Protein backbone atom coordinates (compact mmCIF):
# COMPACT_ATOMS: atom_id res chain seq x y z
CA UNK A 1 49.26 45.45 241.76
CA UNK A 2 45.86 43.88 242.42
CA UNK A 3 43.65 42.86 239.50
CA UNK A 4 41.06 45.46 240.44
CA UNK A 5 43.66 48.21 240.57
CA UNK A 6 44.98 47.15 237.19
CA UNK A 7 41.57 47.43 235.64
CA UNK A 8 41.00 50.88 237.18
CA UNK A 9 44.27 52.09 235.69
CA UNK A 10 43.14 50.85 232.31
CA UNK A 11 40.38 53.45 232.32
CA UNK A 12 42.85 56.33 232.36
CA UNK A 13 43.55 58.25 229.15
CA UNK A 14 47.29 57.68 229.62
CA UNK A 15 46.86 53.90 229.63
CA UNK A 16 44.71 54.04 226.53
CA UNK A 17 47.31 56.11 224.69
CA UNK A 18 50.08 53.69 225.65
CA UNK A 19 47.94 50.68 224.67
CA UNK A 20 47.09 52.24 221.32
CA UNK A 21 50.80 52.97 220.75
CA UNK A 22 51.69 49.37 221.65
CA UNK A 23 49.07 47.99 219.26
CA UNK A 24 50.30 50.30 216.50
CA UNK A 25 53.90 49.25 217.14
CA UNK A 26 52.91 45.59 216.90
CA UNK A 27 51.17 46.25 213.60
CA UNK A 28 54.17 48.16 212.30
CA UNK A 29 56.60 45.42 213.31
CA UNK A 30 54.43 42.82 211.64
CA UNK A 31 54.20 44.82 208.43
CA UNK A 32 57.99 45.23 208.09
CA UNK A 33 59.13 41.90 209.54
CA UNK A 34 62.78 41.25 208.71
CA UNK A 35 63.65 38.64 206.10
CA UNK A 36 64.04 35.12 207.47
CA UNK A 37 65.63 31.96 206.10
CA UNK A 38 64.20 28.68 207.43
CA UNK A 39 64.73 25.01 206.74
CA UNK A 40 62.65 21.95 207.45
CA UNK A 41 60.71 19.13 205.84
CA UNK A 42 57.44 18.76 203.97
CA UNK A 43 55.51 15.75 202.59
CA UNK A 44 57.37 14.52 199.50
CA UNK A 45 54.96 14.95 196.54
CA UNK A 46 56.28 11.72 195.00
CA UNK A 47 55.14 9.71 198.05
CA UNK A 48 53.49 12.26 200.29
CA UNK A 49 51.99 9.75 202.72
CA UNK A 50 55.22 7.81 203.16
CA UNK A 51 58.12 10.21 203.47
CA UNK A 52 59.24 13.82 203.85
CA UNK A 53 61.75 15.87 201.87
CA UNK A 54 63.99 18.76 202.92
CA UNK A 55 63.04 22.31 201.85
CA UNK A 56 64.52 25.78 202.31
CA UNK A 57 62.40 28.94 202.40
CA UNK A 58 63.17 32.65 202.25
CA UNK A 59 60.58 34.94 203.78
CA UNK A 60 60.49 38.63 202.89
CA UNK A 61 57.83 41.24 203.64
CA UNK A 62 55.47 38.63 205.03
CA UNK A 63 55.59 36.27 202.04
CA UNK A 64 57.55 33.24 200.88
CA UNK A 65 59.75 34.66 198.13
CA UNK A 66 61.91 31.61 197.46
CA UNK A 67 61.49 27.87 197.93
CA UNK A 68 64.26 25.42 197.15
CA UNK A 69 65.16 21.78 197.66
CA UNK A 70 68.78 22.78 198.20
CA UNK A 71 70.38 25.36 200.51
CA UNK A 72 71.05 28.83 199.11
CA UNK A 73 72.91 31.96 200.18
CA UNK A 74 71.10 34.87 201.86
CA UNK A 75 72.23 38.27 203.08
CA UNK A 76 74.06 38.65 206.37
CA UNK A 77 71.13 40.60 207.83
CA UNK A 78 68.66 37.78 207.17
CA UNK A 79 67.55 35.90 210.28
CA UNK A 80 67.98 32.15 210.20
CA UNK A 81 66.10 29.31 211.87
CA UNK A 82 68.14 26.21 211.15
CA UNK A 83 67.99 22.51 211.89
CA UNK A 84 71.13 22.89 213.99
CA UNK A 85 69.17 25.17 216.36
CA UNK A 86 65.88 23.34 216.73
CA UNK A 87 66.33 19.88 215.25
CA UNK A 88 64.32 18.40 212.40
CA UNK A 89 60.86 19.95 211.86
CA UNK A 90 57.93 19.50 209.52
CA UNK A 91 57.04 22.84 207.99
CA UNK A 92 53.35 23.32 207.32
CA UNK A 93 51.12 26.12 206.22
CA UNK A 94 49.51 27.58 209.34
CA UNK A 95 46.20 25.96 210.27
CA UNK A 96 42.96 27.77 209.34
CA UNK A 97 40.04 27.47 211.78
CA UNK A 98 36.74 28.34 210.07
CA UNK A 99 34.44 28.01 213.07
CA UNK A 100 34.78 30.12 216.18
CA UNK A 101 33.14 32.55 218.58
CA UNK A 102 36.35 34.03 219.85
CA UNK A 103 35.23 36.17 222.77
CA UNK A 104 33.63 33.11 224.39
CA UNK A 105 36.93 31.22 224.49
CA UNK A 106 37.43 32.44 228.04
CA UNK A 107 34.56 30.16 229.17
CA UNK A 108 35.26 26.52 230.16
CA UNK A 109 33.25 23.51 228.98
CA UNK A 110 29.55 23.82 229.76
CA UNK A 111 28.78 21.06 232.26
CA UNK A 112 25.12 20.62 231.27
CA UNK A 113 25.83 19.41 227.72
CA UNK A 114 25.85 15.62 227.35
CA UNK A 115 24.67 15.09 223.78
CA UNK A 116 20.97 15.38 224.65
CA UNK A 117 19.85 18.12 222.26
CA UNK A 118 18.18 17.77 218.88
CA UNK A 119 19.21 21.14 217.42
CA UNK A 120 20.78 24.44 218.47
CA UNK A 121 17.47 26.08 219.29
CA UNK A 122 16.81 23.70 222.18
CA UNK A 123 19.66 24.84 224.44
CA UNK A 124 20.17 28.52 223.70
CA UNK A 125 17.27 29.58 225.91
CA UNK A 126 18.20 27.42 228.91
CA UNK A 127 18.81 29.28 232.17
CA UNK A 128 21.92 27.20 232.90
CA UNK A 129 23.39 28.10 229.51
CA UNK A 130 22.71 31.79 230.01
CA UNK A 131 24.23 31.73 233.47
CA UNK A 132 27.37 29.79 232.57
CA UNK A 133 28.07 30.86 228.98
CA UNK A 134 26.49 34.13 227.86
CA UNK A 135 26.08 35.73 231.29
CA UNK A 136 29.78 36.30 232.06
CA UNK A 137 30.22 38.17 228.75
CA UNK A 138 27.55 40.68 229.80
CA UNK A 139 29.73 42.05 232.59
CA UNK A 140 29.85 45.87 232.17
CA UNK A 141 33.41 45.86 233.54
CA UNK A 142 34.54 44.41 230.19
CA UNK A 143 34.06 47.72 228.40
CA UNK A 144 33.41 48.15 224.70
CA UNK A 145 34.78 46.84 221.41
CA UNK A 146 35.41 50.41 220.30
CA UNK A 147 38.17 50.63 222.93
CA UNK A 148 41.09 48.45 221.83
CA UNK A 149 42.51 48.54 225.36
CA UNK A 150 39.30 47.25 226.99
CA UNK A 151 38.99 43.92 228.75
CA UNK A 152 36.35 43.06 226.15
CA UNK A 153 38.96 43.32 223.40
CA UNK A 154 41.41 41.38 225.51
CA UNK A 155 39.08 38.36 225.40
CA UNK A 156 39.82 38.22 221.67
CA UNK A 157 43.55 38.53 222.22
CA UNK A 158 43.38 35.68 224.74
CA UNK A 159 41.43 33.53 222.27
CA UNK A 160 43.88 34.21 219.44
CA UNK A 161 46.88 33.29 221.60
CA UNK A 162 45.09 30.06 222.50
CA UNK A 163 44.65 29.36 218.78
CA UNK A 164 48.23 30.30 217.86
CA UNK A 165 49.59 27.97 220.54
CA UNK A 166 47.92 25.15 218.60
CA UNK A 167 49.37 26.16 215.23
CA UNK A 168 46.34 28.16 214.03
CA UNK A 169 47.25 31.31 212.09
CA UNK A 170 43.81 32.25 210.68
CA UNK A 171 40.64 32.26 212.78
CA UNK A 172 36.96 32.90 212.20
CA UNK A 173 34.68 34.44 214.78
CA UNK A 174 35.55 38.05 215.47
CA UNK A 175 32.19 39.19 214.10
CA UNK A 176 31.70 42.94 214.20
CA UNK A 177 34.49 43.54 216.72
CA UNK A 178 37.33 43.94 214.21
CA UNK A 179 38.84 46.91 216.05
CA UNK A 180 39.93 44.59 218.87
CA UNK A 181 42.77 42.63 217.24
CA UNK A 182 43.08 43.74 213.63
CA UNK A 183 46.53 42.84 212.34
CA UNK A 184 48.03 42.13 215.77
CA UNK A 185 47.97 38.37 216.45
CA UNK A 186 46.37 35.74 214.21
CA UNK A 187 44.66 36.71 210.97
CA UNK A 188 40.87 37.09 211.15
CA UNK A 189 39.01 35.76 208.12
CA UNK A 190 36.36 38.48 208.39
CA UNK A 191 38.96 41.27 208.14
CA UNK A 192 40.10 41.85 204.56
CA UNK A 193 43.13 43.92 205.58
CA UNK A 194 44.56 40.92 207.42
CA UNK A 195 45.11 39.31 204.01
CA UNK A 196 46.08 42.50 202.17
CA UNK A 197 42.83 42.34 200.22
CA UNK A 198 39.94 44.60 199.35
CA UNK A 199 37.49 41.70 199.64
CA UNK A 200 36.28 40.09 202.83
CA UNK A 201 34.12 37.27 204.17
CA UNK A 202 30.91 37.78 206.12
CA UNK A 203 29.75 35.53 208.95
CA UNK A 204 26.34 35.04 210.53
CA UNK A 205 25.05 32.87 213.34
CA UNK A 206 22.15 31.78 211.19
CA UNK A 207 20.30 32.70 208.01
CA UNK A 208 17.10 30.75 208.77
CA UNK A 209 15.39 29.63 211.98
CA UNK A 210 12.26 27.80 213.20
CA UNK A 211 10.24 31.03 213.44
CA UNK A 212 10.93 31.71 209.78
CA UNK A 213 9.88 28.15 208.96
CA UNK A 214 6.54 28.76 210.71
CA UNK A 215 6.08 32.06 208.82
CA UNK A 216 6.59 30.41 205.44
CA UNK A 217 4.60 27.30 206.35
CA UNK A 218 1.57 29.37 207.43
CA UNK A 219 1.63 32.46 205.21
CA UNK A 220 3.82 31.88 202.16
CA UNK A 221 3.96 28.29 201.00
CA UNK A 222 0.16 27.65 201.07
CA UNK A 223 -0.45 30.51 198.64
CA UNK A 224 2.45 29.43 196.43
CA UNK A 225 1.01 25.91 196.21
CA UNK A 226 -2.71 26.68 195.96
CA UNK A 227 -2.53 29.79 193.81
CA UNK A 228 0.59 28.78 191.88
CA UNK A 229 2.32 32.04 192.75
CA UNK A 230 6.01 32.76 192.99
CA UNK A 231 7.56 33.50 196.35
CA UNK A 232 7.99 37.18 195.55
CA UNK A 233 4.33 37.43 194.50
CA UNK A 234 3.31 36.19 197.94
CA UNK A 235 5.87 38.10 199.99
CA UNK A 236 5.31 41.55 198.45
CA UNK A 237 1.73 42.07 199.68
CA UNK A 238 2.61 40.57 203.07
CA UNK A 239 5.35 43.13 203.54
CA UNK A 240 3.21 46.08 202.43
CA UNK A 241 -0.01 45.18 204.26
CA UNK A 242 -0.16 46.68 207.74
CA UNK A 243 -0.49 44.07 210.48
CA UNK A 244 0.15 41.09 208.18
CA UNK A 245 3.48 40.35 209.87
CA UNK A 246 4.74 40.75 213.40
CA UNK A 247 8.00 42.58 214.13
CA UNK A 248 10.17 39.45 214.20
CA UNK A 249 8.76 38.23 210.89
CA UNK A 250 9.40 41.63 209.34
CA UNK A 251 12.93 41.59 210.71
CA UNK A 252 13.61 38.17 209.22
CA UNK A 253 12.45 39.22 205.75
CA UNK A 254 14.67 42.30 205.94
CA UNK A 255 17.60 40.10 206.90
CA UNK A 256 16.76 37.74 204.05
CA UNK A 257 17.01 40.63 201.61
CA UNK A 258 20.44 41.51 203.03
CA UNK A 259 21.70 37.93 202.75
CA UNK A 260 20.48 37.65 199.18
CA UNK A 261 22.27 40.92 198.50
CA UNK A 262 25.52 39.39 199.69
CA UNK A 263 25.42 36.85 196.86
CA UNK A 264 25.22 39.63 194.27
CA UNK A 265 28.49 40.92 195.73
CA UNK A 266 30.37 37.64 195.49
CA UNK A 267 33.53 37.29 193.46
CA UNK A 268 34.64 37.49 190.73
CA UNK A 269 32.57 40.62 190.12
CA UNK A 270 31.92 41.76 193.68
CA UNK A 271 33.80 42.51 196.89
CA UNK A 272 32.84 39.43 198.95
CA UNK A 273 34.72 36.12 199.17
CA UNK A 274 32.16 34.19 201.18
CA UNK A 275 29.28 34.02 203.62
CA UNK A 276 29.96 31.74 206.60
CA UNK A 277 26.80 30.56 208.37
CA UNK A 278 25.52 28.02 210.90
CA UNK A 279 23.15 25.64 209.15
CA UNK A 280 21.71 22.18 209.85
CA UNK A 281 23.29 22.10 213.31
CA UNK A 282 22.05 19.26 215.49
CA UNK A 283 21.24 15.60 215.09
CA UNK A 284 20.97 14.07 211.66
CA UNK A 285 17.62 12.60 212.79
CA UNK A 286 16.12 15.85 214.10
CA UNK A 287 13.15 16.81 211.91
CA UNK A 288 13.81 20.54 211.77
CA UNK A 289 17.54 20.03 211.32
CA UNK A 290 16.94 17.80 208.30
CA UNK A 291 14.90 20.56 206.64
CA UNK A 292 17.06 23.61 207.31
CA UNK A 293 19.36 23.37 204.27
CA UNK A 294 16.37 22.64 202.02
CA UNK A 295 14.61 25.70 203.43
CA UNK A 296 17.64 27.93 202.91
CA UNK A 297 17.98 26.56 199.40
CA UNK A 298 14.35 27.37 198.63
CA UNK A 299 14.93 30.95 199.80
CA UNK A 300 17.82 31.30 197.34
CA UNK A 301 20.52 31.23 200.03
CA UNK A 302 22.37 28.08 198.96
CA UNK A 303 24.70 29.55 196.37
CA UNK A 304 28.36 29.67 195.48
CA UNK A 305 30.24 31.49 198.21
CA UNK A 306 28.28 29.92 201.05
CA UNK A 307 30.28 28.15 203.76
CA UNK A 308 28.10 25.93 205.95
CA UNK A 309 29.17 25.36 209.54
CA UNK A 310 27.98 21.93 210.78
CA UNK A 311 25.65 20.61 208.03
CA UNK A 312 24.87 17.50 210.11
CA UNK A 313 21.24 17.42 208.97
CA UNK A 314 22.10 17.52 205.27
CA UNK A 315 21.19 14.35 203.37
CA UNK A 316 22.85 13.03 200.20
CA UNK A 317 20.67 15.18 197.96
CA UNK A 318 21.64 18.27 199.94
CA UNK A 319 25.33 17.37 199.82
CA UNK A 320 25.20 16.80 196.07
CA UNK A 321 23.49 20.18 195.66
CA UNK A 322 26.14 21.86 197.83
CA UNK A 323 28.96 20.29 195.82
CA UNK A 324 27.44 21.44 192.53
CA UNK A 325 27.49 25.03 193.84
CA UNK A 326 30.98 24.88 195.37
CA UNK A 327 29.52 25.27 198.86
CA UNK A 328 31.98 24.22 201.57
CA UNK A 329 31.34 22.52 204.91
CA UNK A 330 32.97 23.14 208.28
CA UNK A 331 33.07 20.04 210.46
CA UNK A 332 33.15 20.51 214.26
CA UNK A 333 32.90 16.96 215.63
CA UNK A 334 33.72 17.66 219.28
CA UNK A 335 31.06 20.35 219.70
CA UNK A 336 28.52 18.27 217.78
CA UNK A 337 29.11 15.23 219.97
CA UNK A 338 29.06 17.22 223.22
CA UNK A 339 25.77 18.92 222.36
CA UNK A 340 23.95 16.42 220.14
CA UNK A 341 25.70 13.06 220.35
CA UNK A 342 25.88 13.11 216.55
CA UNK A 343 28.00 14.72 213.86
CA UNK A 344 28.64 14.98 210.14
CA UNK A 345 29.41 11.89 208.08
CA UNK A 346 32.54 13.11 206.26
CA UNK A 347 32.67 10.09 203.94
CA UNK A 348 29.21 10.96 202.63
CA UNK A 349 30.48 14.47 201.92
CA UNK A 350 33.57 13.06 200.19
CA UNK A 351 31.32 10.86 198.04
CA UNK A 352 29.78 14.00 196.54
CA UNK A 353 33.09 15.93 196.38
CA UNK A 354 32.11 18.51 198.98
CA UNK A 355 35.01 20.64 200.21
CA UNK A 356 35.24 19.82 203.95
CA UNK A 357 37.17 21.88 206.51
CA UNK A 358 37.55 21.70 210.29
CA UNK A 359 36.49 24.14 213.01
CA UNK A 360 37.04 24.07 216.76
CA UNK A 361 33.88 26.07 217.61
CA UNK A 362 34.10 27.66 221.09
CA UNK A 363 35.41 26.40 224.40
CA UNK A 364 31.96 26.11 226.11
CA UNK A 365 31.38 23.05 223.88
CA UNK A 366 34.44 22.82 221.65
CA UNK A 367 38.17 22.21 221.71
CA UNK A 368 40.87 24.69 222.63
CA UNK A 369 42.41 24.70 219.16
CA UNK A 370 42.41 22.93 215.81
CA UNK A 371 45.26 20.61 216.82
CA UNK A 372 42.94 19.16 219.47
CA UNK A 373 39.96 19.13 217.10
CA UNK A 374 41.71 17.12 214.40
CA UNK A 375 42.44 14.37 216.92
CA UNK A 376 38.73 14.17 217.80
CA UNK A 377 37.88 13.96 214.09
CA UNK A 378 40.45 11.22 213.65
CA UNK A 379 39.19 9.19 216.62
CA UNK A 380 35.58 9.58 215.50
CA UNK A 381 36.38 8.39 211.99
CA UNK A 382 38.31 5.43 213.34
CA UNK A 383 35.45 4.53 215.73
CA UNK A 384 33.07 4.41 212.75
CA UNK A 385 35.44 2.52 210.45
CA UNK A 386 35.74 5.47 208.05
CA UNK A 387 38.80 4.44 206.06
CA UNK A 388 38.44 7.34 203.60
CA UNK A 389 39.12 9.85 206.37
CA UNK A 390 42.88 9.58 206.03
CA UNK A 391 45.43 11.66 207.90
CA UNK A 392 46.22 13.46 204.63
CA UNK A 393 42.57 14.47 204.23
CA UNK A 394 42.39 15.58 207.86
CA UNK A 395 45.50 17.71 207.30
CA UNK A 396 43.96 19.25 204.17
CA UNK A 397 40.86 20.12 206.21
CA UNK A 398 43.09 22.46 208.26
CA UNK A 399 45.08 23.99 205.40
CA UNK A 400 44.25 24.00 201.69
CA UNK A 401 40.53 23.16 202.04
CA UNK A 402 39.67 26.21 204.20
CA UNK A 403 41.82 28.33 201.88
CA UNK A 404 39.64 27.13 199.00
CA UNK A 405 36.46 27.84 200.99
CA UNK A 406 37.66 31.42 201.54
CA UNK A 407 38.84 31.76 197.93
CA UNK A 408 42.35 32.35 199.22
CA UNK A 409 43.97 29.24 197.75
CA UNK A 410 46.23 31.48 195.66
CA UNK A 411 47.97 32.80 198.78
CA UNK A 412 47.16 30.55 201.72
CA UNK A 413 47.10 26.86 202.63
CA UNK A 414 50.41 25.78 201.03
CA UNK A 415 54.09 26.62 201.31
CA UNK A 416 54.82 28.06 197.88
CA UNK A 417 56.52 31.12 196.46
CA UNK A 418 54.25 34.16 196.63
CA UNK A 419 52.14 32.69 199.44
CA UNK A 420 51.72 34.33 202.83
CA UNK A 421 54.35 33.21 205.33
CA UNK A 422 51.90 31.74 207.83
CA UNK A 423 53.86 28.73 209.04
CA UNK A 424 53.81 26.17 211.84
CA UNK A 425 56.92 24.09 212.50
CA UNK A 426 56.33 20.74 214.24
CA UNK A 427 58.95 18.34 215.56
CA UNK A 428 59.73 15.66 212.96
CA UNK A 429 60.05 12.18 214.40
CA UNK A 430 61.07 10.44 211.16
CA UNK A 431 61.53 11.33 207.49
CA UNK A 432 60.37 7.84 206.47
CA UNK A 433 56.92 7.69 208.09
CA UNK A 434 53.70 9.44 207.06
CA UNK A 435 54.30 13.16 207.67
CA UNK A 436 50.56 13.86 207.74
CA UNK A 437 50.17 11.40 210.59
CA UNK A 438 52.99 13.11 212.44
CA UNK A 439 51.20 16.45 212.07
CA UNK A 440 47.67 15.44 213.05
CA UNK A 441 48.88 13.40 216.03
CA UNK A 442 51.34 16.07 217.22
CA UNK A 443 51.00 17.56 220.69
CA UNK A 444 51.24 21.26 221.48
CA UNK A 445 54.67 20.61 222.97
CA UNK A 446 55.82 19.38 219.54
CA UNK A 447 55.29 22.84 218.04
CA UNK A 448 58.66 24.55 217.62
CA UNK A 449 57.34 27.85 216.30
CA UNK A 450 54.37 29.57 214.69
CA UNK A 451 54.70 32.46 212.25
CA UNK A 452 52.12 34.88 210.90
CA UNK A 453 53.37 36.88 207.96
CA UNK A 454 56.91 35.78 208.75
CA UNK A 455 56.74 37.13 212.31
CA UNK A 456 57.16 34.72 215.21
CA UNK A 457 54.09 34.51 217.45
CA UNK A 458 54.91 31.34 219.39
CA UNK A 459 58.41 29.88 219.59
CA UNK A 460 60.61 27.64 221.70
CA UNK A 461 62.92 29.50 224.06
CA UNK A 462 66.05 28.91 222.00
CA UNK A 463 64.73 30.93 219.03
CA UNK A 464 62.36 33.33 220.82
CA UNK A 465 63.58 36.92 221.06
CA UNK A 466 63.28 39.14 224.11
CA UNK A 467 61.17 41.80 222.45
CA UNK A 468 57.53 42.75 222.02
CA UNK A 469 56.21 41.23 225.27
CA UNK A 470 57.77 37.77 225.09
CA UNK A 471 56.32 35.61 227.88
CA UNK A 472 55.98 31.92 228.77
CA UNK A 473 52.87 30.04 227.64
CA UNK A 474 52.66 28.24 231.00
CA UNK A 475 53.54 29.57 234.45
CA UNK A 476 55.94 28.02 236.97
CA UNK A 477 52.92 27.26 239.17
CA UNK A 478 51.26 25.29 236.35
CA UNK A 479 54.50 23.43 235.67
CA UNK A 480 54.83 22.50 239.34
CA UNK A 481 51.23 21.24 239.40
CA UNK A 482 51.21 19.23 236.18
CA UNK A 483 53.80 17.10 234.41
CA UNK A 484 51.97 17.84 231.15
CA UNK A 485 52.58 21.55 231.59
CA UNK A 486 56.30 20.93 232.08
CA UNK A 487 56.42 19.77 228.45
CA UNK A 488 55.29 23.27 227.43
CA UNK A 489 57.81 25.08 229.61
CA UNK A 490 59.85 26.27 226.62
CA UNK A 491 56.91 27.67 224.64
CA UNK A 492 57.10 31.46 224.44
CA UNK A 493 54.35 33.82 223.24
CA UNK A 494 55.73 36.82 221.36
CA UNK A 495 54.66 40.07 219.69
CA UNK A 496 51.33 40.48 221.52
CA UNK A 497 49.94 43.82 222.74
CA UNK A 498 50.31 42.72 226.39
CA UNK A 499 52.61 40.28 228.11
CA UNK A 500 50.73 37.02 228.44
CA UNK A 501 51.00 36.97 232.23
CA UNK A 502 49.38 40.41 232.39
CA UNK A 503 46.66 39.40 229.94
CA UNK A 504 45.84 36.29 231.98
CA UNK A 505 45.68 38.33 235.19
CA UNK A 506 43.29 40.78 233.53
CA UNK A 507 41.06 37.96 232.30
CA UNK A 508 40.96 36.27 235.70
CA UNK A 509 39.84 39.54 237.26
CA UNK A 510 36.53 39.26 235.37
CA UNK A 511 36.39 35.51 234.63
CA UNK A 512 37.27 33.65 237.85
CA UNK A 513 36.66 30.34 236.03
CA UNK A 514 38.83 31.36 233.08
CA UNK A 515 39.33 28.56 230.55
CA UNK A 516 43.02 27.69 230.43
CA UNK A 517 45.16 28.34 227.38
CA UNK A 518 46.25 24.72 227.16
CA UNK A 519 44.85 21.35 228.22
CA UNK A 520 47.86 20.49 230.39
CA UNK A 521 46.19 21.79 233.56
CA UNK A 522 42.54 21.37 232.54
CA UNK A 523 41.61 18.04 234.09
CA UNK A 524 37.91 18.21 233.19
CA UNK A 525 38.64 18.98 229.53
CA UNK A 526 41.16 16.13 229.27
CA UNK A 527 38.71 13.76 230.96
CA UNK A 528 35.88 14.60 228.56
CA UNK A 529 38.16 14.16 225.53
CA UNK A 530 39.45 10.85 226.86
CA UNK A 531 35.98 9.43 227.57
CA UNK A 532 34.01 10.98 224.70
CA UNK A 533 33.62 7.71 222.79
CA UNK A 534 33.27 5.48 225.85
CA UNK A 535 30.19 3.69 227.16
CA UNK A 536 30.50 5.77 230.34
CA UNK A 537 30.12 9.03 228.41
CA UNK A 538 27.13 7.73 226.45
CA UNK A 539 25.52 6.65 229.72
CA UNK A 540 25.57 10.30 230.83
CA UNK A 541 23.41 11.32 227.85
CA UNK A 542 19.86 11.99 229.14
CA UNK A 543 17.34 9.59 227.63
CA UNK A 544 14.29 11.87 227.82
CA UNK A 545 13.28 13.47 224.55
CA UNK A 546 13.01 17.24 224.52
CA UNK A 547 9.74 18.75 223.33
CA UNK A 548 9.97 19.43 219.61
CA UNK A 549 7.62 21.03 217.12
CA UNK A 550 6.12 18.98 214.34
CA UNK A 551 7.40 19.97 210.91
CA UNK A 552 5.53 17.37 208.86
CA UNK A 553 3.46 20.01 207.09
CA UNK A 554 6.52 22.15 206.41
CA UNK A 555 8.34 19.15 204.93
CA UNK A 556 5.40 18.31 202.67
CA UNK A 557 5.17 21.89 201.45
CA UNK A 558 8.87 22.01 200.55
CA UNK A 559 8.49 18.74 198.66
CA UNK A 560 5.40 19.95 196.79
CA UNK A 561 7.08 23.18 195.71
CA UNK A 562 10.22 21.35 194.61
CA UNK A 563 8.16 18.84 192.65
CA UNK A 564 6.20 21.61 190.94
CA UNK A 565 9.38 23.43 189.95
C-alpha cells in the first residue's frame, strides 16, 4: 500500500477504533506485565569505579520486588532472562533525559548552525530555521494531538522509540500533547500517571525573555530605584491603567503570575514536583544570557523545584544561589556547541554542589539519544582537562541526578527493591574494569534489552517475543548499505502501538528527510560528532557578530536593586 493510501485509511473511523484498541491493549499489557527474574552485574559499592558484582532481581507488577547477591528460586510461571541466554550484562537503571522537544525528533540536524549565535533569541526568527525546523511540523496532514492515531501523535512515538533504543526510559518534552503516548512507550516526566503519582512536573520553553527585560528596564525598575517602591507597588498600577502596557507585556505579566503560582503548589504541600524551563541558553559571554538567571531570580522565579535547562550564562554567584535552593541544571553540550560554540562548565557547578543532569535536546541541534549525548559530554570535559567530570558522575547525570531533580529518587534512578523496573542491560566487557566507563562508552549495539515497568521495549532477537508489534530496529536495506547498521541487526522494538516499519513509512510520507532512528546510516550526523572539537569545525563558525541589544542599563538596575535589598 502506498504511503498516501495508508494515511487516507487512517482517517476512517474503523482505523481509529482499531488504533485506540491497540493503544489500550498496550497500556493493559504494560500494567499487568508478568513477573520476570533477571541476572546481571552492577558497580560494586565497595569499589564502584573498579569492579562489578553479580546481582539477581525479581520484577513484579512493574517494580523490583527482590534484589539479591545470590540466586533464588522463583515460580515456574516467572519469565527469566539469564546470563546463559545473553552473556554477561551490566544492569542499570534506565536513563532519564530531562531535555527534549519530542515531536521535532523527526527533523535532521539543521545545516545553518555552526556555533555562531549568542543566545536562543537570535536564531528562532531566521527564515532558514523556520523552513527547515518548524515548517515541516505545520503540515496539516499531521492531524491533531487529540487523535491518538494521527500522524502528529506518531511523531512522539517515533521519538520515544529513538530514545528507548539508546537506553532512555524517561523523557521530557511532550508538552501539552499527553494524549499521544501516555503509558505506551517510554515514561513522560510531564505525565504523573506514567509514574503512578498524583503529582506532575510542568515544563516551559522560557519564563523570561528580552521583551520582558525591556519592560522592566523601562517601566518597573526605574520607579523601584528612584521611588524606593516594591515591585508589586509598581506593577499594580501598570496593570490597571489602560494603555500603560501593550498586549505582549500584559501577556508576560499574566504568565509571570501563573509561574509564581506553580511554586505555591510545589511539594511537600502541593501537587507539583518541578518546573522545567529554558534559562541562560547561549554563550557564557553573551550580555543578555549572563543576566537571564538574575532577572528570573529578581522576579521570584528561582526557587526550589526549578529545573534549569542549559544555564550556560550563570556565573558562580548564580550557581551558588541555585545550589542553596536545590535548583537542578540540565546540561546539553552537543546542542550548545552546535548553536553557540560554548556550553556549561560542569566543574564550576560541581564546586557549588549543583545537581547536574544531562539532556539530548532535539535532533535539529542535538543528539539522537542520551547514550550519544554522554559521549559528547565526556569528550568535551576531556578536551578542557576537566578531571572532576568522571565517568561515574556522567553516569549519575543520566540516572540518580535527574531522579533527584524530579523528586523521584525514592522510586527511580537506582536498582533497589520497591523501585520502578526501568532497566537497561548493556554488554559487560569485564568485571574488573570501571563499570561506569563501560556504560558511558557503550554503543547502541551493546544494549541487550531495555525495560519500562518490567516490560521489554527493545531487546536482542534471542529474548524478544513475537507479540505486540515486534519489529527490527534497522531494515535489511540499511544493513546492506552500512556495516554499522549490521551491528544493530538483532535489535528488536517491541510493544509499540504500530510495527516500527509501518511507523517509519508513515513518517516518511510527511517527512521526506526523516531523521533516522540510529546514527549507523546518518553520515552527516556521524561526521559532525566526529569533527565537533576539531579545528575544521571551528573554522566553519562564522566570525561576524550578530546584532545584539545593549543591556548595560538593565544590568546596572539589577545590581542597584540587589544592593539596596
